Amino acid sequence: MQETSLKTISTVDAVYNALTKDILSMAFPPGAKITETTLCERYGISRNTLREGVSLLLAHGLLVKVPNKGIFVRSLELEDVQEIFRLRELLELEAVRCIIDSENIPIELVQMVELLESNCADGDWESYLEADIQFHSALVKSANSPRLQRLYDAIFAEVKLCIYQSRFVANFDPESAAQHRRLLSAMETGDLQAAQSVLTAHIASALNTYQAAFKTR
C-alpha cells in the first residue's frame, strides 16, 4: 500500500482525519483489519499516537473492536442505516426549528443549496455527495445549540460512513437538490411545518436510496 505522510504527525487529530479519509475513500474497505504496523508505516507516526487516534474512531463508530481478533473498519448493516437515519432526522428537525425561531438564515446555507443545484445540473455525483454532507452539517451548526451539535457529532461520522460505503451502488436522485431548495425556502418564510415536512420527506427518500444500495452490496 502506498505510503502517505502526515504534515502534522504529532497530533491525534491529524491521525484521526487521515484514517477517516482513508476509510471513506475505501483505501480501507468495510471489514478491513486495521493493524498498528501498517498504519504506523503509512502515516509515519508512533504507536502511542496511533492508538489515541484509533480510540477516537472506535468511539465515533468508524472502527469496531472484535475480541481476540483485532480492530476492523465497521461494515454497516441495513439495521444500522435505518437507526442512523432515524436519529439524524430527529436532530435535524430540531435544528430546523432552532433556525426558524432565530429568524436568521445563514448565508452559508443559501450558498450550499446553490452549490448542490450546480453539481446536480452538471451531473457531478461525487461533488454533490460532498456538498450534501456539508449542507446538513451546516444546518445543525446554524442552530447554534452546543448540545445539539454534540449529539449530531456523535453520529455524523457514521452518517458519512453510510453514504460513502454505498455511493458506488446508490442511484443519483435529481429530486434531492429540489428538496434542499424547498427546505431553504420554507425556512426563509418561517413556515416550520412545511420545513419539517420537507426535511422528513428528504431523509425518507435518502434512506430508501441507501437501503436499496445496501441490499445490493
N, C-alpha and C. Protein backbone atom coordinates (compact mmCIF):
# COMPACT_ATOMS: atom_id res chain seq x y z
N MET A 1 0.84 -1.19 0.00
CA MET A 1 0.00 0.00 0.00
C MET A 1 0.88 1.24 0.00
N GLN A 2 0.49 2.27 -0.78
CA GLN A 2 1.29 3.46 -0.91
C GLN A 2 1.42 4.19 0.43
N GLU A 3 2.62 4.66 0.74
CA GLU A 3 2.85 5.37 1.98
C GLU A 3 2.34 6.79 1.88
N THR A 4 1.66 7.26 2.94
CA THR A 4 1.13 8.61 2.97
C THR A 4 1.67 9.31 4.21
N SER A 5 2.40 10.37 4.04
CA SER A 5 2.98 11.09 5.17
C SER A 5 2.03 12.19 5.63
N LEU A 6 1.98 12.43 6.94
CA LEU A 6 1.17 13.48 7.50
C LEU A 6 2.01 14.73 7.70
N LYS A 7 1.43 15.89 7.42
CA LYS A 7 2.15 17.13 7.63
C LYS A 7 2.28 17.42 9.14
N THR A 8 1.28 17.03 9.90
CA THR A 8 1.31 17.28 11.34
C THR A 8 1.21 15.93 12.04
N ILE A 9 2.33 15.24 12.16
CA ILE A 9 2.29 13.88 12.65
C ILE A 9 2.24 13.78 14.17
N SER A 10 2.36 14.93 14.84
CA SER A 10 2.40 14.90 16.30
C SER A 10 1.02 15.04 16.93
N THR A 11 -0.03 15.27 16.12
CA THR A 11 -1.35 15.48 16.68
C THR A 11 -2.26 14.29 16.41
N VAL A 12 -3.08 13.99 17.41
CA VAL A 12 -4.05 12.90 17.28
C VAL A 12 -5.10 13.26 16.23
N ASP A 13 -5.44 14.54 16.15
CA ASP A 13 -6.43 14.97 15.16
C ASP A 13 -5.97 14.67 13.75
N ALA A 14 -4.67 14.83 13.49
CA ALA A 14 -4.15 14.53 12.16
C ALA A 14 -4.29 13.06 11.83
N VAL A 15 -4.05 12.21 12.82
CA VAL A 15 -4.21 10.77 12.63
C VAL A 15 -5.67 10.44 12.37
N TYR A 16 -6.55 11.01 13.19
CA TYR A 16 -7.99 10.77 13.04
C TYR A 16 -8.47 11.18 11.65
N ASN A 17 -8.08 12.38 11.21
CA ASN A 17 -8.52 12.88 9.91
C ASN A 17 -7.98 12.04 8.77
N ALA A 18 -6.73 11.63 8.85
CA ALA A 18 -6.12 10.85 7.78
C ALA A 18 -6.74 9.46 7.67
N LEU A 19 -6.95 8.82 8.82
CA LEU A 19 -7.53 7.48 8.80
C LEU A 19 -9.00 7.53 8.38
N THR A 20 -9.71 8.57 8.83
CA THR A 20 -11.10 8.74 8.40
C THR A 20 -11.17 8.90 6.89
N LYS A 21 -10.30 9.72 6.33
CA LYS A 21 -10.27 9.92 4.88
C LYS A 21 -9.99 8.62 4.15
N ASP A 22 -9.06 7.82 4.68
CA ASP A 22 -8.73 6.55 4.04
C ASP A 22 -9.90 5.56 4.11
N ILE A 23 -10.64 5.60 5.20
CA ILE A 23 -11.80 4.71 5.34
C ILE A 23 -12.90 5.11 4.38
N LEU A 24 -13.19 6.42 4.31
CA LEU A 24 -14.28 6.89 3.45
C LEU A 24 -13.94 6.75 1.96
N SER A 25 -12.64 6.80 1.63
CA SER A 25 -12.23 6.66 0.23
C SER A 25 -12.08 5.18 -0.17
N MET A 26 -12.31 4.29 0.79
CA MET A 26 -12.22 2.85 0.57
C MET A 26 -10.78 2.36 0.43
N ALA A 27 -9.81 3.18 0.85
CA ALA A 27 -8.44 2.67 0.93
C ALA A 27 -8.40 1.52 1.93
N PHE A 28 -9.25 1.64 2.96
CA PHE A 28 -9.51 0.55 3.89
C PHE A 28 -11.00 0.24 3.78
N PRO A 29 -11.39 -0.77 3.03
CA PRO A 29 -12.80 -1.05 2.78
C PRO A 29 -13.52 -1.64 3.99
N PRO A 30 -14.85 -1.73 3.93
CA PRO A 30 -15.61 -2.31 5.04
C PRO A 30 -15.09 -3.70 5.40
N GLY A 31 -14.86 -3.93 6.69
CA GLY A 31 -14.40 -5.23 7.15
C GLY A 31 -12.89 -5.39 7.15
N ALA A 32 -12.16 -4.40 6.62
CA ALA A 32 -10.69 -4.50 6.57
C ALA A 32 -10.12 -4.45 7.98
N LYS A 33 -9.12 -5.27 8.23
CA LYS A 33 -8.47 -5.28 9.53
C LYS A 33 -7.45 -4.16 9.60
N ILE A 34 -7.44 -3.47 10.74
CA ILE A 34 -6.52 -2.37 10.96
C ILE A 34 -5.38 -2.86 11.84
N THR A 35 -4.16 -2.74 11.34
CA THR A 35 -3.01 -3.18 12.12
C THR A 35 -2.11 -2.00 12.43
N GLU A 36 -1.54 -2.00 13.62
CA GLU A 36 -0.69 -0.89 14.04
C GLU A 36 0.53 -0.74 13.13
N THR A 37 1.14 -1.85 12.77
CA THR A 37 2.35 -1.79 11.94
C THR A 37 2.07 -1.10 10.61
N THR A 38 0.98 -1.51 9.96
CA THR A 38 0.62 -0.93 8.66
C THR A 38 0.38 0.56 8.77
N LEU A 39 -0.39 0.98 9.79
CA LEU A 39 -0.75 2.38 9.91
C LEU A 39 0.42 3.24 10.36
N CYS A 40 1.24 2.72 11.25
CA CYS A 40 2.41 3.49 11.68
C CYS A 40 3.34 3.75 10.50
N GLU A 41 3.50 2.77 9.64
CA GLU A 41 4.34 2.94 8.46
C GLU A 41 3.68 3.88 7.45
N ARG A 42 2.38 3.75 7.30
CA ARG A 42 1.65 4.56 6.32
C ARG A 42 1.69 6.04 6.67
N TYR A 43 1.49 6.35 7.96
CA TYR A 43 1.40 7.74 8.38
C TYR A 43 2.69 8.29 9.00
N GLY A 44 3.66 7.42 9.26
CA GLY A 44 4.90 7.87 9.85
C GLY A 44 4.74 8.38 11.26
N ILE A 45 4.03 7.61 12.09
CA ILE A 45 3.72 8.03 13.45
C ILE A 45 4.09 6.94 14.45
N SER A 46 4.07 7.30 15.74
CA SER A 46 4.36 6.34 16.79
C SER A 46 3.11 5.52 17.11
N ARG A 47 3.31 4.39 17.76
CA ARG A 47 2.18 3.53 18.14
C ARG A 47 1.26 4.23 19.14
N ASN A 48 1.83 5.00 20.06
CA ASN A 48 1.01 5.68 21.05
C ASN A 48 0.08 6.71 20.41
N THR A 49 0.63 7.47 19.45
CA THR A 49 -0.18 8.45 18.74
C THR A 49 -1.27 7.75 17.94
N LEU A 50 -0.91 6.66 17.27
CA LEU A 50 -1.89 5.90 16.50
C LEU A 50 -3.01 5.38 17.39
N ARG A 51 -2.66 4.85 18.55
CA ARG A 51 -3.67 4.27 19.43
C ARG A 51 -4.69 5.31 19.89
N GLU A 52 -4.22 6.53 20.12
CA GLU A 52 -5.15 7.59 20.52
C GLU A 52 -6.10 7.94 19.38
N GLY A 53 -5.55 8.00 18.17
CA GLY A 53 -6.41 8.27 17.02
C GLY A 53 -7.41 7.16 16.77
N VAL A 54 -6.95 5.92 16.88
CA VAL A 54 -7.84 4.77 16.69
C VAL A 54 -8.94 4.76 17.74
N SER A 55 -8.62 5.16 18.96
CA SER A 55 -9.63 5.22 20.02
C SER A 55 -10.76 6.16 19.65
N LEU A 56 -10.41 7.29 19.02
CA LEU A 56 -11.44 8.23 18.59
C LEU A 56 -12.34 7.63 17.51
N LEU A 57 -11.74 6.91 16.58
CA LEU A 57 -12.52 6.30 15.51
C LEU A 57 -13.41 5.18 16.05
N LEU A 58 -12.93 4.47 17.06
CA LEU A 58 -13.77 3.46 17.71
C LEU A 58 -14.97 4.14 18.38
N ALA A 59 -14.73 5.27 19.05
CA ALA A 59 -15.79 5.98 19.74
C ALA A 59 -16.82 6.55 18.77
N HIS A 60 -16.37 6.94 17.58
CA HIS A 60 -17.26 7.53 16.59
C HIS A 60 -17.89 6.50 15.65
N GLY A 61 -17.58 5.24 15.85
CA GLY A 61 -18.26 4.19 15.10
C GLY A 61 -17.69 3.85 13.75
N LEU A 62 -16.52 4.39 13.40
CA LEU A 62 -15.91 4.05 12.11
C LEU A 62 -15.13 2.75 12.18
N LEU A 63 -14.64 2.44 13.36
CA LEU A 63 -13.93 1.18 13.59
C LEU A 63 -14.66 0.38 14.65
N VAL A 64 -14.45 -0.93 14.65
CA VAL A 64 -15.05 -1.80 15.65
C VAL A 64 -14.00 -2.78 16.15
N LYS A 65 -13.99 -3.01 17.46
CA LYS A 65 -13.03 -3.93 18.06
C LYS A 65 -13.69 -5.26 18.32
N VAL A 66 -13.13 -6.32 17.73
CA VAL A 66 -13.66 -7.67 17.90
C VAL A 66 -12.74 -8.42 18.87
N PRO A 67 -13.25 -8.87 20.01
CA PRO A 67 -12.41 -9.56 21.00
C PRO A 67 -11.62 -10.72 20.39
N ASN A 68 -10.35 -10.77 20.71
CA ASN A 68 -9.44 -11.85 20.28
C ASN A 68 -9.17 -11.87 18.78
N LYS A 69 -9.65 -10.85 18.06
CA LYS A 69 -9.43 -10.82 16.61
C LYS A 69 -8.75 -9.53 16.14
N GLY A 70 -9.10 -8.42 16.75
CA GLY A 70 -8.47 -7.17 16.36
C GLY A 70 -9.47 -6.06 16.08
N ILE A 71 -9.00 -5.04 15.37
CA ILE A 71 -9.81 -3.87 15.05
C ILE A 71 -10.07 -3.85 13.55
N PHE A 72 -11.33 -3.57 13.20
CA PHE A 72 -11.75 -3.64 11.80
C PHE A 72 -12.54 -2.38 11.42
N VAL A 73 -12.52 -2.05 10.12
CA VAL A 73 -13.38 -1.00 9.62
C VAL A 73 -14.82 -1.48 9.74
N ARG A 74 -15.67 -0.64 10.33
CA ARG A 74 -17.06 -1.05 10.52
C ARG A 74 -17.75 -1.25 9.17
N SER A 75 -18.41 -2.35 9.02
CA SER A 75 -19.22 -2.63 7.85
C SER A 75 -20.68 -2.49 8.27
N LEU A 76 -21.31 -1.41 7.84
CA LEU A 76 -22.67 -1.14 8.27
C LEU A 76 -23.65 -2.13 7.67
N GLU A 77 -24.63 -2.51 8.46
CA GLU A 77 -25.71 -3.37 8.00
C GLU A 77 -26.96 -2.53 7.80
N LEU A 78 -27.97 -3.12 7.19
CA LEU A 78 -29.20 -2.39 6.89
C LEU A 78 -29.82 -1.81 8.16
N GLU A 79 -29.81 -2.57 9.24
CA GLU A 79 -30.39 -2.09 10.50
C GLU A 79 -29.63 -0.88 11.03
N ASP A 80 -28.32 -0.86 10.82
CA ASP A 80 -27.51 0.29 11.24
C ASP A 80 -27.94 1.54 10.48
N VAL A 81 -28.12 1.40 9.18
CA VAL A 81 -28.50 2.53 8.33
C VAL A 81 -29.84 3.10 8.79
N GLN A 82 -30.78 2.22 9.06
CA GLN A 82 -32.11 2.67 9.48
C GLN A 82 -32.05 3.44 10.80
N GLU A 83 -31.29 2.94 11.76
CA GLU A 83 -31.18 3.62 13.05
C GLU A 83 -30.46 4.96 12.91
N ILE A 84 -29.38 4.98 12.16
CA ILE A 84 -28.61 6.21 11.96
C ILE A 84 -29.49 7.31 11.37
N PHE A 85 -30.29 6.95 10.36
CA PHE A 85 -31.11 7.96 9.70
C PHE A 85 -32.30 8.39 10.56
N ARG A 86 -32.81 7.51 11.40
CA ARG A 86 -33.87 7.92 12.33
C ARG A 86 -33.34 8.96 13.32
N LEU A 87 -32.15 8.71 13.85
CA LEU A 87 -31.56 9.65 14.79
C LEU A 87 -31.20 10.96 14.09
N ARG A 88 -30.68 10.84 12.89
CA ARG A 88 -30.34 12.03 12.12
C ARG A 88 -31.56 12.90 11.89
N GLU A 89 -32.67 12.29 11.57
CA GLU A 89 -33.89 13.05 11.32
C GLU A 89 -34.32 13.83 12.56
N LEU A 90 -34.32 13.17 13.71
CA LEU A 90 -34.72 13.83 14.96
C LEU A 90 -33.86 15.08 15.23
N LEU A 91 -32.56 14.95 15.05
CA LEU A 91 -31.65 16.05 15.35
C LEU A 91 -31.77 17.18 14.34
N GLU A 92 -31.93 16.83 13.07
CA GLU A 92 -32.04 17.87 12.05
C GLU A 92 -33.38 18.59 12.11
N LEU A 93 -34.42 17.90 12.50
CA LEU A 93 -35.72 18.56 12.69
C LEU A 93 -35.63 19.62 13.78
N GLU A 94 -34.92 19.30 14.85
CA GLU A 94 -34.72 20.27 15.92
C GLU A 94 -33.87 21.44 15.44
N ALA A 95 -32.88 21.17 14.61
CA ALA A 95 -32.05 22.23 14.05
C ALA A 95 -32.89 23.20 13.22
N VAL A 96 -33.79 22.66 12.42
CA VAL A 96 -34.68 23.50 11.60
C VAL A 96 -35.54 24.39 12.49
N ARG A 97 -36.06 23.83 13.58
CA ARG A 97 -36.88 24.62 14.50
C ARG A 97 -36.08 25.77 15.10
N CYS A 98 -34.85 25.47 15.51
CA CYS A 98 -34.00 26.49 16.11
C CYS A 98 -33.68 27.61 15.13
N ILE A 99 -33.41 27.25 13.89
CA ILE A 99 -33.08 28.25 12.86
C ILE A 99 -34.27 29.15 12.59
N ILE A 100 -35.45 28.57 12.46
CA ILE A 100 -36.65 29.37 12.19
C ILE A 100 -36.97 30.27 13.37
N ASP A 101 -36.80 29.76 14.57
CA ASP A 101 -37.04 30.58 15.77
C ASP A 101 -36.08 31.78 15.82
N SER A 102 -34.87 31.59 15.32
CA SER A 102 -33.87 32.67 15.35
C SER A 102 -34.15 33.75 14.31
N GLU A 103 -34.99 33.41 13.32
CA GLU A 103 -35.32 34.32 12.22
C GLU A 103 -34.07 34.78 11.47
N ASN A 104 -33.10 33.89 11.40
CA ASN A 104 -31.86 34.21 10.71
C ASN A 104 -31.38 33.01 9.92
N ILE A 105 -31.43 33.11 8.61
CA ILE A 105 -30.97 32.04 7.73
C ILE A 105 -29.54 32.36 7.31
N PRO A 106 -28.55 31.61 7.80
CA PRO A 106 -27.15 31.90 7.46
C PRO A 106 -26.91 31.83 5.96
N ILE A 107 -26.10 32.74 5.45
CA ILE A 107 -25.78 32.77 4.03
C ILE A 107 -25.12 31.47 3.59
N GLU A 108 -24.44 30.79 4.52
CA GLU A 108 -23.77 29.53 4.18
C GLU A 108 -24.78 28.50 3.66
N LEU A 109 -25.96 28.46 4.25
CA LEU A 109 -26.97 27.51 3.80
C LEU A 109 -27.45 27.85 2.39
N VAL A 110 -27.62 29.12 2.12
CA VAL A 110 -28.03 29.56 0.78
C VAL A 110 -26.97 29.17 -0.24
N GLN A 111 -25.72 29.41 0.08
CA GLN A 111 -24.61 29.08 -0.83
C GLN A 111 -24.51 27.57 -1.06
N MET A 112 -24.76 26.79 0.01
CA MET A 112 -24.67 25.35 -0.14
C MET A 112 -25.78 24.81 -1.05
N VAL A 113 -26.98 25.38 -0.95
CA VAL A 113 -28.08 24.95 -1.83
C VAL A 113 -27.75 25.29 -3.28
N GLU A 114 -27.17 26.46 -3.50
CA GLU A 114 -26.78 26.84 -4.86
C GLU A 114 -25.71 25.90 -5.41
N LEU A 115 -24.78 25.49 -4.55
CA LEU A 115 -23.74 24.54 -4.97
C LEU A 115 -24.35 23.19 -5.29
N LEU A 116 -25.29 22.75 -4.48
CA LEU A 116 -25.97 21.47 -4.74
C LEU A 116 -26.68 21.50 -6.09
N GLU A 117 -27.35 22.59 -6.37
CA GLU A 117 -28.07 22.72 -7.65
C GLU A 117 -27.10 22.72 -8.82
N SER A 118 -25.97 23.37 -8.64
CA SER A 118 -24.95 23.41 -9.70
C SER A 118 -24.37 22.02 -9.96
N ASN A 119 -24.04 21.30 -8.88
CA ASN A 119 -23.49 19.95 -9.03
C ASN A 119 -24.51 19.00 -9.65
N CYS A 120 -25.77 19.18 -9.28
CA CYS A 120 -26.83 18.34 -9.84
C CYS A 120 -26.97 18.59 -11.34
N ALA A 121 -26.94 19.87 -11.73
CA ALA A 121 -27.07 20.22 -13.15
C ALA A 121 -25.90 19.66 -13.96
N ASP A 122 -24.73 19.63 -13.34
CA ASP A 122 -23.53 19.11 -14.03
C ASP A 122 -23.45 17.59 -14.00
N GLY A 123 -24.31 16.96 -13.19
CA GLY A 123 -24.25 15.51 -13.06
C GLY A 123 -23.02 15.03 -12.31
N ASP A 124 -22.47 15.92 -11.49
CA ASP A 124 -21.27 15.59 -10.72
C ASP A 124 -21.69 14.94 -9.41
N TRP A 125 -21.82 13.62 -9.41
CA TRP A 125 -22.36 12.88 -8.27
C TRP A 125 -21.45 12.93 -7.06
N GLU A 126 -20.15 12.79 -7.28
CA GLU A 126 -19.20 12.81 -6.16
C GLU A 126 -19.22 14.16 -5.46
N SER A 127 -19.17 15.24 -6.22
CA SER A 127 -19.19 16.58 -5.64
C SER A 127 -20.53 16.86 -4.98
N TYR A 128 -21.59 16.34 -5.57
CA TYR A 128 -22.92 16.53 -4.99
C TYR A 128 -23.00 15.87 -3.61
N LEU A 129 -22.47 14.67 -3.50
CA LEU A 129 -22.50 13.97 -2.22
C LEU A 129 -21.77 14.77 -1.14
N GLU A 130 -20.60 15.29 -1.48
CA GLU A 130 -19.83 16.06 -0.50
C GLU A 130 -20.56 17.33 -0.11
N ALA A 131 -21.17 18.01 -1.10
CA ALA A 131 -21.93 19.23 -0.81
C ALA A 131 -23.16 18.92 0.04
N ASP A 132 -23.77 17.78 -0.21
CA ASP A 132 -24.94 17.35 0.56
C ASP A 132 -24.56 17.15 2.04
N ILE A 133 -23.45 16.47 2.25
CA ILE A 133 -22.95 16.26 3.62
C ILE A 133 -22.68 17.59 4.30
N GLN A 134 -22.04 18.50 3.58
CA GLN A 134 -21.70 19.81 4.14
C GLN A 134 -22.95 20.62 4.46
N PHE A 135 -23.98 20.52 3.62
CA PHE A 135 -25.22 21.26 3.87
C PHE A 135 -25.85 20.83 5.19
N HIS A 136 -25.96 19.52 5.39
CA HIS A 136 -26.63 19.04 6.60
C HIS A 136 -25.79 19.32 7.85
N SER A 137 -24.49 19.30 7.69
CA SER A 137 -23.62 19.67 8.80
C SER A 137 -23.81 21.15 9.14
N ALA A 138 -23.88 22.00 8.10
CA ALA A 138 -24.09 23.44 8.30
C ALA A 138 -25.47 23.72 8.89
N LEU A 139 -26.44 22.90 8.52
CA LEU A 139 -27.80 23.07 9.04
C LEU A 139 -27.80 22.95 10.56
N VAL A 140 -27.14 21.92 11.07
CA VAL A 140 -27.09 21.72 12.52
C VAL A 140 -26.24 22.79 13.19
N LYS A 141 -25.14 23.14 12.57
CA LYS A 141 -24.28 24.18 13.11
C LYS A 141 -25.03 25.51 13.23
N SER A 142 -25.90 25.78 12.26
CA SER A 142 -26.64 27.04 12.23
C SER A 142 -27.69 27.14 13.34
N ALA A 143 -27.99 26.03 13.98
CA ALA A 143 -28.94 26.04 15.09
C ALA A 143 -28.35 26.73 16.31
N ASN A 144 -27.02 26.85 16.34
CA ASN A 144 -26.32 27.50 17.47
C ASN A 144 -26.69 26.87 18.81
N SER A 145 -26.73 25.55 18.82
CA SER A 145 -27.02 24.81 20.05
C SER A 145 -25.87 23.85 20.31
N PRO A 146 -25.01 24.15 21.28
CA PRO A 146 -23.86 23.27 21.57
C PRO A 146 -24.28 21.84 21.90
N ARG A 147 -25.38 21.67 22.62
CA ARG A 147 -25.83 20.31 22.97
C ARG A 147 -26.28 19.55 21.73
N LEU A 148 -27.05 20.23 20.89
CA LEU A 148 -27.50 19.60 19.65
C LEU A 148 -26.30 19.24 18.77
N GLN A 149 -25.32 20.13 18.73
CA GLN A 149 -24.12 19.88 17.92
C GLN A 149 -23.37 18.67 18.43
N ARG A 150 -23.24 18.54 19.74
CA ARG A 150 -22.53 17.38 20.30
C ARG A 150 -23.25 16.08 19.97
N LEU A 151 -24.57 16.09 20.06
CA LEU A 151 -25.34 14.89 19.73
C LEU A 151 -25.17 14.53 18.25
N TYR A 152 -25.20 15.54 17.40
CA TYR A 152 -25.07 15.29 15.96
C TYR A 152 -23.67 14.80 15.61
N ASP A 153 -22.68 15.39 16.26
CA ASP A 153 -21.30 14.96 16.03
C ASP A 153 -21.11 13.48 16.37
N ALA A 154 -21.89 13.01 17.36
CA ALA A 154 -21.76 11.62 17.81
C ALA A 154 -22.18 10.62 16.74
N ILE A 155 -23.04 11.03 15.80
CA ILE A 155 -23.49 10.10 14.75
C ILE A 155 -23.01 10.52 13.36
N PHE A 156 -22.43 11.73 13.25
CA PHE A 156 -22.10 12.27 11.93
C PHE A 156 -21.09 11.41 11.18
N ALA A 157 -20.12 10.87 11.89
CA ALA A 157 -19.13 10.01 11.22
C ALA A 157 -19.81 8.79 10.61
N GLU A 158 -20.79 8.23 11.33
CA GLU A 158 -21.49 7.05 10.80
C GLU A 158 -22.41 7.42 9.65
N VAL A 159 -22.97 8.64 9.67
CA VAL A 159 -23.76 9.11 8.54
C VAL A 159 -22.90 9.12 7.28
N LYS A 160 -21.70 9.70 7.40
CA LYS A 160 -20.78 9.74 6.25
C LYS A 160 -20.35 8.33 5.84
N LEU A 161 -20.13 7.47 6.82
CA LEU A 161 -19.73 6.10 6.51
C LEU A 161 -20.81 5.39 5.69
N CYS A 162 -22.06 5.60 6.08
CA CYS A 162 -23.18 5.01 5.34
C CYS A 162 -23.20 5.51 3.90
N ILE A 163 -23.04 6.80 3.72
CA ILE A 163 -23.09 7.40 2.39
C ILE A 163 -21.94 6.90 1.52
N TYR A 164 -20.74 6.89 2.07
CA TYR A 164 -19.57 6.53 1.28
C TYR A 164 -19.48 5.03 1.03
N GLN A 165 -19.97 4.21 1.94
CA GLN A 165 -19.93 2.77 1.70
C GLN A 165 -20.94 2.33 0.64
N SER A 166 -21.89 3.19 0.33
CA SER A 166 -22.91 2.80 -0.65
C SER A 166 -22.88 3.64 -1.92
N ARG A 167 -21.96 4.61 -2.01
CA ARG A 167 -22.05 5.57 -3.11
C ARG A 167 -21.83 4.95 -4.48
N PHE A 168 -21.13 3.82 -4.54
CA PHE A 168 -20.86 3.22 -5.85
C PHE A 168 -22.05 2.43 -6.39
N VAL A 169 -23.01 2.14 -5.51
CA VAL A 169 -24.18 1.38 -5.96
C VAL A 169 -25.48 2.13 -5.77
N ALA A 170 -25.43 3.30 -5.10
CA ALA A 170 -26.65 4.09 -4.89
C ALA A 170 -26.99 4.88 -6.15
N ASN A 171 -28.27 5.01 -6.43
CA ASN A 171 -28.73 5.76 -7.59
C ASN A 171 -28.81 7.25 -7.26
N PHE A 172 -28.37 8.09 -8.19
CA PHE A 172 -28.45 9.53 -8.01
C PHE A 172 -29.87 10.01 -8.26
N ASP A 173 -30.42 10.78 -7.31
CA ASP A 173 -31.79 11.28 -7.42
C ASP A 173 -31.77 12.79 -7.61
N PRO A 174 -32.04 13.28 -8.81
CA PRO A 174 -32.03 14.73 -9.07
C PRO A 174 -33.04 15.49 -8.20
N GLU A 175 -34.07 14.81 -7.74
CA GLU A 175 -35.07 15.44 -6.88
C GLU A 175 -34.47 15.92 -5.57
N SER A 176 -33.35 15.33 -5.18
CA SER A 176 -32.73 15.69 -3.91
C SER A 176 -32.37 17.17 -3.85
N ALA A 177 -31.83 17.72 -4.93
CA ALA A 177 -31.47 19.14 -4.96
C ALA A 177 -32.70 20.02 -4.80
N ALA A 178 -33.80 19.63 -5.44
CA ALA A 178 -35.04 20.39 -5.32
C ALA A 178 -35.57 20.36 -3.89
N GLN A 179 -35.38 19.24 -3.20
CA GLN A 179 -35.81 19.14 -1.81
C GLN A 179 -35.03 20.10 -0.92
N HIS A 180 -33.73 20.25 -1.17
CA HIS A 180 -32.93 21.19 -0.40
C HIS A 180 -33.43 22.63 -0.63
N ARG A 181 -33.77 22.96 -1.86
CA ARG A 181 -34.27 24.29 -2.17
C ARG A 181 -35.61 24.54 -1.47
N ARG A 182 -36.50 23.55 -1.48
CA ARG A 182 -37.79 23.71 -0.82
C ARG A 182 -37.62 23.87 0.69
N LEU A 183 -36.66 23.13 1.26
CA LEU A 183 -36.40 23.25 2.69
C LEU A 183 -35.91 24.67 3.01
N LEU A 184 -34.98 25.17 2.23
CA LEU A 184 -34.46 26.51 2.45
C LEU A 184 -35.58 27.56 2.31
N SER A 185 -36.41 27.41 1.30
CA SER A 185 -37.50 28.37 1.07
C SER A 185 -38.48 28.39 2.24
N ALA A 186 -38.80 27.21 2.76
CA ALA A 186 -39.72 27.13 3.90
C ALA A 186 -39.11 27.78 5.14
N MET A 187 -37.82 27.59 5.35
CA MET A 187 -37.17 28.23 6.49
C MET A 187 -37.12 29.74 6.31
N GLU A 188 -36.90 30.20 5.10
CA GLU A 188 -36.84 31.64 4.84
C GLU A 188 -38.17 32.32 5.10
N THR A 189 -39.27 31.61 4.86
CA THR A 189 -40.60 32.19 5.11
C THR A 189 -41.09 31.92 6.53
N GLY A 190 -40.31 31.16 7.30
CA GLY A 190 -40.67 30.89 8.68
C GLY A 190 -41.76 29.85 8.84
N ASP A 191 -41.96 29.03 7.82
CA ASP A 191 -43.00 28.00 7.87
C ASP A 191 -42.41 26.72 8.45
N LEU A 192 -42.50 26.57 9.76
CA LEU A 192 -41.90 25.43 10.44
C LEU A 192 -42.51 24.11 9.98
N GLN A 193 -43.83 24.05 9.88
CA GLN A 193 -44.48 22.79 9.48
C GLN A 193 -44.04 22.34 8.10
N ALA A 194 -43.99 23.30 7.17
CA ALA A 194 -43.58 22.96 5.80
C ALA A 194 -42.11 22.54 5.77
N ALA A 195 -41.27 23.25 6.50
CA ALA A 195 -39.84 22.95 6.51
C ALA A 195 -39.59 21.56 7.07
N GLN A 196 -40.22 21.25 8.18
CA GLN A 196 -40.01 19.94 8.78
C GLN A 196 -40.61 18.83 7.93
N SER A 197 -41.70 19.12 7.23
CA SER A 197 -42.30 18.14 6.33
C SER A 197 -41.35 17.83 5.16
N VAL A 198 -40.74 18.87 4.62
CA VAL A 198 -39.80 18.69 3.51
C VAL A 198 -38.58 17.89 3.98
N LEU A 199 -38.07 18.24 5.17
CA LEU A 199 -36.90 17.54 5.69
C LEU A 199 -37.20 16.07 5.93
N THR A 200 -38.36 15.78 6.50
CA THR A 200 -38.75 14.39 6.75
C THR A 200 -38.83 13.60 5.44
N ALA A 201 -39.42 14.22 4.41
CA ALA A 201 -39.52 13.56 3.11
C ALA A 201 -38.14 13.36 2.49
N HIS A 202 -37.28 14.35 2.66
CA HIS A 202 -35.92 14.26 2.10
C HIS A 202 -35.13 13.13 2.74
N ILE A 203 -35.18 13.03 4.05
CA ILE A 203 -34.43 11.98 4.74
C ILE A 203 -35.04 10.61 4.44
N ALA A 204 -36.36 10.54 4.33
CA ALA A 204 -37.00 9.27 3.98
C ALA A 204 -36.57 8.82 2.59
N SER A 205 -36.47 9.77 1.67
CA SER A 205 -36.03 9.46 0.31
C SER A 205 -34.58 8.97 0.31
N ALA A 206 -33.73 9.66 1.08
CA ALA A 206 -32.32 9.26 1.18
C ALA A 206 -32.21 7.87 1.80
N LEU A 207 -33.00 7.63 2.83
CA LEU A 207 -32.97 6.33 3.50
C LEU A 207 -33.36 5.22 2.53
N ASN A 208 -34.39 5.47 1.74
CA ASN A 208 -34.82 4.46 0.76
C ASN A 208 -33.70 4.17 -0.24
N THR A 209 -32.98 5.22 -0.66
CA THR A 209 -31.88 5.06 -1.60
C THR A 209 -30.78 4.20 -1.00
N TYR A 210 -30.39 4.50 0.25
CA TYR A 210 -29.30 3.77 0.87
C TYR A 210 -29.71 2.37 1.30
N GLN A 211 -30.96 2.20 1.66
CA GLN A 211 -31.44 0.85 1.97
C GLN A 211 -31.34 -0.04 0.73
N ALA A 212 -31.79 0.51 -0.40
CA ALA A 212 -31.73 -0.25 -1.65
C ALA A 212 -30.28 -0.57 -2.02
N ALA A 213 -29.39 0.41 -1.80
CA ALA A 213 -27.98 0.21 -2.12
C ALA A 213 -27.36 -0.87 -1.25
N PHE A 214 -27.67 -0.85 0.04
CA PHE A 214 -27.08 -1.83 0.95
C PHE A 214 -27.60 -3.24 0.66
N LYS A 215 -28.80 -3.34 0.16
CA LYS A 215 -29.34 -4.66 -0.17
C LYS A 215 -28.66 -5.28 -1.38
N THR A 216 -28.03 -4.44 -2.21
CA THR A 216 -27.39 -4.95 -3.43
C THR A 216 -25.88 -5.09 -3.28
N ARG A 217 -25.34 -4.75 -2.11
CA ARG A 217 -23.89 -4.83 -1.94
C ARG A 217 -23.40 -6.27 -2.06
